[in-house]
Amino acid sequence: MSDRKWELVTAVHDPILAEILKGLLEAQGITVHIVREGYQAAYGLANQPGTHIEILAPNDQVADARQVIQDFNSGKFEAAD
């Protein structure tokens, strides 16, 4: 069993955004685990009030993961015209 501890990087309500962030983080070499919570996840409902999707990373990669998400939110990964 691994001693790896998972920590919350961010939480979102949009499953598509969660998958985009997961792919972006993995492309940067960061291991990611997504946890969907709430009754909406159990019934396959998306973008409903109360949907809570957590993006977790190993504790030794959390700072890097948060920086990647901050860069994403600031537009660093947008294509230049």
PDB file of N, CA and C in Angstrom:
ATOM      1  N   MET A   1       0.833  -1.177   0.000  1.00  0.00           N
ATOM      2  CA  MET A   1       0.000   0.000   0.000  1.00  0.00           C
ATOM      3  C   MET A   1       0.876   1.238   0.000  1.00  0.00           C
ATOM      4  N   SER A   2       0.510   2.193  -0.758  1.00  0.00           N
ATOM      5  CA  SER A   2       1.275   3.431  -0.879  1.00  0.00           C
ATOM      6  C   SER A   2       1.015   4.357   0.303  1.00  0.00           C
ATOM      7  N   ASP A   3       2.052   5.118   0.682  1.00  0.00           N
ATOM      8  CA  ASP A   3       1.902   6.120   1.730  1.00  0.00           C
ATOM      9  C   ASP A   3       1.469   7.459   1.159  1.00  0.00           C
ATOM     10  N   ARG A   4       1.150   7.488  -0.119  1.00  0.00           N
ATOM     11  CA  ARG A   4       0.764   8.729  -0.795  1.00  0.00           C
ATOM     12  C   ARG A   4      -0.518   9.263  -0.186  1.00  0.00           C
ATOM     13  N   LYS A   5      -0.497  10.534   0.140  1.00  0.00           N
ATOM     14  CA  LYS A   5      -1.677  11.203   0.687  1.00  0.00           C
ATOM     15  C   LYS A   5      -2.219  12.158  -0.368  1.00  0.00           C
ATOM     16  N   TRP A   6      -3.521  12.142  -0.548  1.00  0.00           N
ATOM     17  CA  TRP A   6      -4.174  12.983  -1.537  1.00  0.00           C
ATOM     18  C   TRP A   6      -4.718  14.231  -0.850  1.00  0.00           C
ATOM     19  N   GLU A   7      -4.569  15.371  -1.521  1.00  0.00           N
ATOM     20  CA  GLU A   7      -5.078  16.634  -0.994  1.00  0.00           C
ATOM     21  C   GLU A   7      -5.935  17.323  -2.052  1.00  0.00           C
ATOM     22  N   LEU A   8      -6.877  18.102  -1.568  1.00  0.00           N
ATOM     23  CA  LEU A   8      -7.747  18.867  -2.445  1.00  0.00           C
ATOM     24  C   LEU A   8      -6.963  19.976  -3.131  1.00  0.00           C
ATOM     25  N   VAL A   9      -7.065  20.023  -4.443  1.00  0.00           N
ATOM     26  CA  VAL A   9      -6.451  21.102  -5.221  1.00  0.00           C
ATOM     27  C   VAL A   9      -7.498  22.176  -5.481  1.00  0.00           C
ATOM     28  N   THR A  10      -8.657  21.750  -5.961  1.00  0.00           N
ATOM     29  CA  THR A  10      -9.766  22.661  -6.220  1.00  0.00           C
ATOM     30  C   THR A  10     -11.052  21.849  -6.300  1.00  0.00           C
ATOM     31  N   ALA A  11     -12.166  22.546  -6.239  1.00  0.00           N
ATOM     32  CA  ALA A  11     -13.470  21.911  -6.418  1.00  0.00           C
ATOM     33  C   ALA A  11     -14.242  22.721  -7.446  1.00  0.00           C
ATOM     34  N   VAL A  12     -14.954  22.018  -8.310  1.00  0.00           N
ATOM     35  CA  VAL A  12     -15.742  22.669  -9.361  1.00  0.00           C
ATOM     36  C   VAL A  12     -17.130  22.040  -9.387  1.00  0.00           C
ATOM     37  N   HIS A  13     -18.027  22.678 -10.126  1.00  0.00           N
ATOM     38  CA  HIS A  13     -19.392  22.163 -10.251  1.00  0.00           C
ATOM     39  C   HIS A  13     -19.694  21.679 -11.670  1.00  0.00           C
ATOM     40  N   ASP A  14     -18.766  21.869 -12.578  1.00  0.00           N
ATOM     41  CA  ASP A  14     -18.967  21.519 -13.982  1.00  0.00           C
ATOM     42  C   ASP A  14     -18.104  20.308 -14.334  1.00  0.00           C
ATOM     43  N   PRO A  15     -18.730  19.172 -14.669  1.00  0.00           N
ATOM     44  CA  PRO A  15     -17.950  17.971 -14.979  1.00  0.00           C
ATOM     45  C   PRO A  15     -17.036  18.137 -16.195  1.00  0.00           C
ATOM     46  N   ILE A  16     -17.428  18.971 -17.146  1.00  0.00           N
ATOM     47  CA  ILE A  16     -16.577  19.195 -18.313  1.00  0.00           C
ATOM     48  C   ILE A  16     -15.329  19.956 -17.898  1.00  0.00           C
ATOM     49  N   LEU A  17     -15.482  20.989 -17.082  1.00  0.00           N
ATOM     50  CA  LEU A  17     -14.330  21.723 -16.569  1.00  0.00           C
ATOM     51  C   LEU A  17     -13.430  20.807 -15.753  1.00  0.00           C
ATOM     52  N   ALA A  18     -14.016  19.928 -14.969  1.00  0.00           N
ATOM     53  CA  ALA A  18     -13.218  18.987 -14.182  1.00  0.00           C
ATOM     54  C   ALA A  18     -12.348  18.125 -15.087  1.00  0.00           C
ATOM     55  N   GLU A  19     -12.904  17.653 -16.183  1.00  0.00           N
ATOM     56  CA  GLU A  19     -12.136  16.817 -17.116  1.00  0.00           C
ATOM     57  C   GLU A  19     -11.060  17.632 -17.838  1.00  0.00           C
ATOM     58  N   ILE A  20     -11.366  18.878 -18.173  1.00  0.00           N
ATOM     59  CA  ILE A  20     -10.367  19.750 -18.807  1.00  0.00           C
ATOM     60  C   ILE A  20      -9.200  19.959 -17.853  1.00  0.00           C
ATOM     61  N   LEU A  21      -9.502  20.282 -16.600  1.00  0.00           N
ATOM     62  CA  LEU A  21      -8.443  20.503 -15.621  1.00  0.00           C
ATOM     63  C   LEU A  21      -7.643  19.234 -15.370  1.00  0.00           C
ATOM     64  N   LYS A  22      -8.321  18.107 -15.332  1.00  0.00           N
ATOM     65  CA  LYS A  22      -7.623  16.829 -15.149  1.00  0.00           C
ATOM     66  C   LYS A  22      -6.630  16.597 -16.279  1.00  0.00           C
ATOM     67  N   GLY A  23      -7.082  16.794 -17.508  1.00  0.00           N
ATOM     68  CA  GLY A  23      -6.199  16.603 -18.656  1.00  0.00           C
ATOM     69  C   GLY A  23      -5.030  17.571 -18.655  1.00  0.00           C
ATOM     70  N   LEU A  24      -5.300  18.818 -18.302  1.00  0.00           N
ATOM     71  CA  LEU A  24      -4.251  19.826 -18.245  1.00  0.00           C
ATOM     72  C   LEU A  24      -3.216  19.465 -17.184  1.00  0.00           C
ATOM     73  N   LEU A  25      -3.668  19.089 -16.011  1.00  0.00           N
ATOM     74  CA  LEU A  25      -2.751  18.718 -14.939  1.00  0.00           C
ATOM     75  C   LEU A  25      -1.930  17.488 -15.307  1.00  0.00           C
ATOM     76  N   GLU A  26      -2.572  16.495 -15.887  1.00  0.00           N
ATOM     77  CA  GLU A  26      -1.845  15.286 -16.288  1.00  0.00           C
ATOM     78  C   GLU A  26      -0.820  15.600 -17.372  1.00  0.00           C
ATOM     79  N   ALA A  27      -1.147  16.521 -18.269  1.00  0.00           N
ATOM     80  CA  ALA A  27      -0.196  16.924 -19.313  1.00  0.00           C
ATOM     81  C   ALA A  27       1.033  17.603 -18.716  1.00  0.00           C
ATOM     82  N   GLN A  28       0.883  18.155 -17.527  1.00  0.00           N
ATOM     83  CA  GLN A  28       2.003  18.800 -16.832  1.00  0.00           C
ATOM     84  C   GLN A  28       2.731  17.820 -15.909  1.00  0.00           C
ATOM     85  N   GLY A  29       2.361  16.546 -15.976  1.00  0.00           N
ATOM     86  CA  GLY A  29       3.031  15.516 -15.181  1.00  0.00           C
ATOM     87  C   GLY A  29       2.499  15.369 -13.765  1.00  0.00           C
ATOM     88  N   ILE A  30       1.317  15.899 -13.516  1.00  0.00           N
ATOM     89  CA  ILE A  30       0.724  15.841 -12.176  1.00  0.00           C
ATOM     90  C   ILE A  30      -0.327  14.735 -12.142  1.00  0.00           C
ATOM     91  N   THR A  31      -0.210  13.877 -11.157  1.00  0.00           N
ATOM     92  CA  THR A  31      -1.176  12.801 -10.970  1.00  0.00           C
ATOM     93  C   THR A  31      -2.447  13.387 -10.376  1.00  0.00           C
ATOM     94  N   VAL A  32      -3.596  12.982 -10.911  1.00  0.00           N
ATOM     95  CA  VAL A  32      -4.871  13.575 -10.506  1.00  0.00           C
ATOM     96  C   VAL A  32      -5.880  12.479 -10.209  1.00  0.00           C
ATOM     97  N   HIS A  33      -6.707  12.747  -9.230  1.00  0.00           N
ATOM     98  CA  HIS A  33      -7.842  11.876  -8.910  1.00  0.00           C
ATOM     99  C   HIS A  33      -9.065  12.769  -8.777  1.00  0.00           C
ATOM    100  N   ILE A  34     -10.162  12.395  -9.432  1.00  0.00           N
ATOM    101  CA  ILE A  34     -11.397  13.176  -9.376  1.00  0.00           C
ATOM    102  C   ILE A  34     -12.419  12.429  -8.523  1.00  0.00           C
ATOM    103  N   VAL A  35     -13.055  13.178  -7.620  1.00  0.00           N
ATOM    104  CA  VAL A  35     -14.095  12.615  -6.756  1.00  0.00           C
ATOM    105  C   VAL A  35     -15.366  13.399  -6.995  1.00  0.00           C
ATOM    106  N   ARG A  36     -16.401  12.690  -7.407  1.00  0.00           N
ATOM    107  CA  ARG A  36     -17.706  13.321  -7.614  1.00  0.00           C
ATOM    108  C   ARG A  36     -18.581  12.997  -6.420  1.00  0.00           C
ATOM    109  N   GLU A  37     -19.169  14.032  -5.838  1.00  0.00           N
ATOM    110  CA  GLU A  37     -20.003  13.840  -4.663  1.00  0.00           C
ATOM    111  C   GLU A  37     -21.397  14.394  -4.907  1.00  0.00           C
ATOM    112  N   GLY A  38     -22.317  13.962  -4.102  1.00  0.00           N
ATOM    113  CA  GLY A  38     -23.684  14.446  -4.200  1.00  0.00           C
ATOM    114  C   GLY A  38     -24.563  13.444  -4.914  1.00  0.00           C
ATOM    115  N   TYR A  39     -25.841  13.580  -4.709  1.00  0.00           N
ATOM    116  CA  TYR A  39     -26.771  12.649  -5.334  1.00  0.00           C
ATOM    117  C   TYR A  39     -26.762  12.759  -6.849  1.00  0.00           C
ATOM    118  N   GLN A  40     -26.386  13.942  -7.384  1.00  0.00           N
ATOM    119  CA  GLN A  40     -26.363  14.118  -8.833  1.00  0.00           C
ATOM    120  C   GLN A  40     -25.364  13.164  -9.479  1.00  0.00           C
ATOM    121  N   ALA A  41     -24.227  12.960  -8.829  1.00  0.00           N
ATOM    122  CA  ALA A  41     -23.226  12.044  -9.370  1.00  0.00           C
ATOM    123  C   ALA A  41     -23.754  10.615  -9.383  1.00  0.00           C
ATOM    124  N   ALA A  42     -24.502  10.256  -8.352  1.00  0.00           N
ATOM    125  CA  ALA A  42     -25.040   8.900  -8.270  1.00  0.00           C
ATOM    126  C   ALA A  42     -26.036   8.626  -9.385  1.00  0.00           C
ATOM    127  N   TYR A  43     -26.766   9.660  -9.804  1.00  0.00           N
ATOM    128  CA  TYR A  43     -27.773   9.485 -10.844  1.00  0.00           C
ATOM    129  C   TYR A  43     -27.300   9.953 -12.217  1.00  0.00           C
ATOM    130  N   GLY A  44     -26.049  10.364 -12.320  1.00  0.00           N
ATOM    131  CA  GLY A  44     -25.501  10.767 -13.606  1.00  0.00           C
ATOM    132  C   GLY A  44     -25.958  12.136 -14.072  1.00  0.00           C
ATOM    133  N   LEU A  45     -26.421  12.964 -13.179  1.00  0.00           N
ATOM    134  CA  LEU A  45     -26.866  14.303 -13.542  1.00  0.00           C
ATOM    135  C   LEU A  45     -25.682  15.253 -13.466  1.00  0.00           C
ATOM    136  N   ALA A  46     -25.551  16.123 -14.447  1.00  0.00           N
ATOM    137  CA  ALA A  46     -24.435  17.066 -14.475  1.00  0.00           C
ATOM    138  C   ALA A  46     -24.947  18.493 -14.408  1.00  0.00           C
ATOM    139  N   ASN A  47     -24.093  19.369 -13.961  1.00  0.00           N
ATOM    140  CA  ASN A  47     -24.388  20.803 -13.914  1.00  0.00           C
ATOM    141  C   ASN A  47     -25.657  21.125 -13.138  1.00  0.00           C
ATOM    142  N   GLN A  48     -25.913  20.378 -12.099  1.00  0.00           N
ATOM    143  CA  GLN A  48     -27.063  20.617 -11.246  1.00  0.00           C
ATOM    144  C   GLN A  48     -26.594  21.284  -9.959  1.00  0.00           C
ATOM    145  N   PRO A  49     -27.433  22.116  -9.364  1.00  0.00           N
ATOM    146  CA  PRO A  49     -27.055  22.695  -8.069  1.00  0.00           C
ATOM    147  C   PRO A  49     -26.705  21.585  -7.084  1.00  0.00           C
ATOM    148  N   GLY A  50     -25.641  21.750  -6.375  1.00  0.00           N
ATOM    149  CA  GLY A  50     -25.219  20.745  -5.411  1.00  0.00           C
ATOM    150  C   GLY A  50     -24.192  19.770  -5.938  1.00  0.00           C
ATOM    151  N   THR A  51     -23.962  19.756  -7.260  1.00  0.00           N
ATOM    152  CA  THR A  51     -22.928  18.890  -7.802  1.00  0.00           C
ATOM    153  C   THR A  51     -21.587  19.397  -7.299  1.00  0.00           C
ATOM    154  N   HIS A  52     -20.795  18.510  -6.769  1.00  0.00           N
ATOM    155  CA  HIS A  52     -19.511  18.895  -6.190  1.00  0.00           C
ATOM    156  C   HIS A  52     -18.456  17.928  -6.701  1.00  0.00           C
ATOM    157  N   ILE A  53     -17.498  18.441  -7.444  1.00  0.00           N
ATOM    158  CA  ILE A  53     -16.446  17.613  -8.007  1.00  0.00           C
ATOM    159  C   ILE A  53     -15.123  18.103  -7.448  1.00  0.00           C
ATOM    160  N   GLU A  54     -14.430  17.227  -6.752  1.00  0.00           N
ATOM    161  CA  GLU A  54     -13.142  17.579  -6.172  1.00  0.00           C
ATOM    162  C   GLU A  54     -12.016  17.046  -7.048  1.00  0.00           C
ATOM    163  N   ILE A  55     -11.002  17.871  -7.243  1.00  0.00           N
ATOM    164  CA  ILE A  55      -9.799  17.462  -7.956  1.00  0.00           C
ATOM    165  C   ILE A  55      -8.704  17.342  -6.909  1.00  0.00           C
ATOM    166  N   LEU A  56      -8.176  16.135  -6.778  1.00  0.00           N
ATOM    167  CA  LEU A  56      -7.166  15.832  -5.779  1.00  0.00           C
ATOM    168  C   LEU A  56      -5.837  15.537  -6.458  1.00  0.00           C
ATOM    169  N   ALA A  57      -4.760  15.828  -5.745  1.00  0.00           N
ATOM    170  CA  ALA A  57      -3.411  15.506  -6.209  1.00  0.00           C
ATOM    171  C   ALA A  57      -2.617  14.998  -5.014  1.00  0.00           C
ATOM    172  N   PRO A  58      -1.557  14.237  -5.280  1.00  0.00           N
ATOM    173  CA  PRO A  58      -0.697  13.804  -4.173  1.00  0.00           C
ATOM    174  C   PRO A  58      -0.125  15.018  -3.454  1.00  0.00           C
ATOM    175  N   ASN A  59       0.058  14.891  -2.140  1.00  0.00           N
ATOM    176  CA  ASN A  59       0.489  16.047  -1.351  1.00  0.00           C
ATOM    177  C   ASN A  59       1.785  16.661  -1.853  1.00  0.00           C
ATOM    178  N   ASP A  60       2.660  15.886  -2.486  1.00  0.00           N
ATOM    179  CA  ASP A  60       3.909  16.452  -2.988  1.00  0.00           C
ATOM    180  C   ASP A  60       3.746  17.168  -4.335  1.00  0.00           C
ATOM    181  N   GLN A  61       2.538  17.136  -4.920  1.00  0.00           N
ATOM    182  CA  GLN A  61       2.293  17.811  -6.193  1.00  0.00           C
ATOM    183  C   GLN A  61       1.221  18.898  -6.092  1.00  0.00           C
ATOM    184  N   VAL A  62       0.678  19.117  -4.911  1.00  0.00           N
ATOM    185  CA  VAL A  62      -0.430  20.058  -4.741  1.00  0.00           C
ATOM    186  C   VAL A  62      -0.034  21.480  -5.129  1.00  0.00           C
ATOM    187  N   ALA A  63       1.124  21.945  -4.686  1.00  0.00           N
ATOM    188  CA  ALA A  63       1.550  23.317  -4.997  1.00  0.00           C
ATOM    189  C   ALA A  63       1.679  23.510  -6.504  1.00  0.00           C
ATOM    190  N   ASP A  64       2.263  22.535  -7.190  1.00  0.00           N
ATOM    191  CA  ASP A  64       2.390  22.628  -8.649  1.00  0.00           C
ATOM    192  C   ASP A  64       1.017  22.606  -9.313  1.00  0.00           C
ATOM    193  N   ALA A  65       0.127  21.755  -8.822  1.00  0.00           N
ATOM    194  CA  ALA A  65      -1.216  21.658  -9.392  1.00  0.00           C
ATOM    195  C   ALA A  65      -1.971  22.974  -9.228  1.00  0.00           C
ATOM    196  N   ARG A  66      -1.867  23.570  -8.066  1.00  0.00           N
ATOM    197  CA  ARG A  66      -2.547  24.847  -7.845  1.00  0.00           C
ATOM    198  C   ARG A  66      -1.976  25.944  -8.736  1.00  0.00           C
ATOM    199  N   GLN A  67      -0.675  25.910  -8.983  1.00  0.00           N
ATOM    200  CA  GLN A  67      -0.068  26.894  -9.870  1.00  0.00           C
ATOM    201  C   GLN A  67      -0.563  26.708 -11.299  1.00  0.00           C
ATOM    202  N   VAL A  68      -0.684  25.472 -11.757  1.00  0.00           N
ATOM    203  CA  VAL A  68      -1.192  25.202 -13.108  1.00  0.00           C
ATOM    204  C   VAL A  68      -2.618  25.718 -13.236  1.00  0.00           C
ATOM    205  N   ILE A  69      -3.451  25.478 -12.235  1.00  0.00           N
ATOM    206  CA  ILE A  69      -4.840  25.944 -12.281  1.00  0.00           C
ATOM    207  C   ILE A  69      -4.887  27.473 -12.249  1.00  0.00           C
ATOM    208  N   GLN A  70      -4.040  28.087 -11.459  1.00  0.00           N
ATOM    209  CA  GLN A  70      -3.979  29.550 -11.435  1.00  0.00           C
ATOM    210  C   GLN A  70      -3.563  30.088 -12.807  1.00  0.00           C
ATOM    211  N   ASP A  71      -2.588  29.447 -13.431  1.00  0.00           N
ATOM    212  CA  ASP A  71      -2.161  29.850 -14.772  1.00  0.00           C
ATOM    213  C   ASP A  71      -3.291  29.662 -15.782  1.00  0.00           C
ATOM    214  N   PHE A  72      -4.031  28.570 -15.661  1.00  0.00           N
ATOM    215  CA  PHE A  72      -5.170  28.310 -16.545  1.00  0.00           C
ATOM    216  C   PHE A  72      -6.217  29.406 -16.390  1.00  0.00           C
ATOM    217  N   ASN A  73      -6.544  29.733 -15.145  1.00  0.00           N
ATOM    218  CA  ASN A  73      -7.561  30.754 -14.881  1.00  0.00           C
ATOM    219  C   ASN A  73      -7.134  32.142 -15.345  1.00  0.00           C
ATOM    220  N   SER A  74      -5.830  32.402 -15.384  1.00  0.00           N
ATOM    221  CA  SER A  74      -5.336  33.712 -15.825  1.00  0.00           C
ATOM    222  C   SER A  74      -5.151  33.776 -17.338  1.00  0.00           C
ATOM    223  N   GLY A  75      -5.393  32.663 -18.041  1.00  0.00           N
ATOM    224  CA  GLY A  75      -5.325  32.667 -19.501  1.00  0.00           C
ATOM    225  C   GLY A  75      -3.990  32.273 -20.077  1.00  0.00           C
ATOM    226  N   LYS A  76      -3.074  31.774 -19.262  1.00  0.00           N
ATOM    227  CA  LYS A  76      -1.746  31.434 -19.743  1.00  0.00           C
ATOM    228  C   LYS A  76      -1.771  30.372 -20.843  1.00  0.00           C
ATOM    229  N   PHE A  77      -2.743  29.486 -20.811  1.00  0.00           N
ATOM    230  CA  PHE A  77      -2.794  28.388 -21.764  1.00  0.00           C
ATOM    231  C   PHE A  77      -3.625  28.696 -22.996  1.00  0.00           C
ATOM    232  N   GLU A  78      -4.121  29.924 -23.121  1.00  0.00           N
ATOM    233  CA  GLU A  78      -4.911  30.301 -24.298  1.00  0.00           C
ATOM    234  C   GLU A  78      -3.998  30.477 -25.499  1.00  0.00           C
ATOM    235  N   ALA A  79      -4.512  30.118 -26.649  1.00  0.00           N
ATOM    236  CA  ALA A  79      -3.743  30.245 -27.885  1.00  0.00           C
ATOM    237  C   ALA A  79      -3.616  31.729 -28.267  1.00  0.00           C
ATOM    238  N   ALA A  80      -2.443  32.069 -28.740  1.00  0.00           N
ATOM    239  CA  ALA A  80      -2.209  33.453 -29.205  1.00  0.00           C
ATOM    240  C   ALA A  80      -2.861  33.631 -30.569  1.00  0.00           C
ATOM    241  N   ASP A  81      -3.336  34.845 -30.816  1.00  0.00           N
ATOM    242  CA  ASP A  81      -3.974  35.134 -32.108  1.00  0.00           C
ATOM    243  C   ASP A  81      -2.953  35.238 -33.213  1.00  0.00           C
TER     244      ASP A  81
END
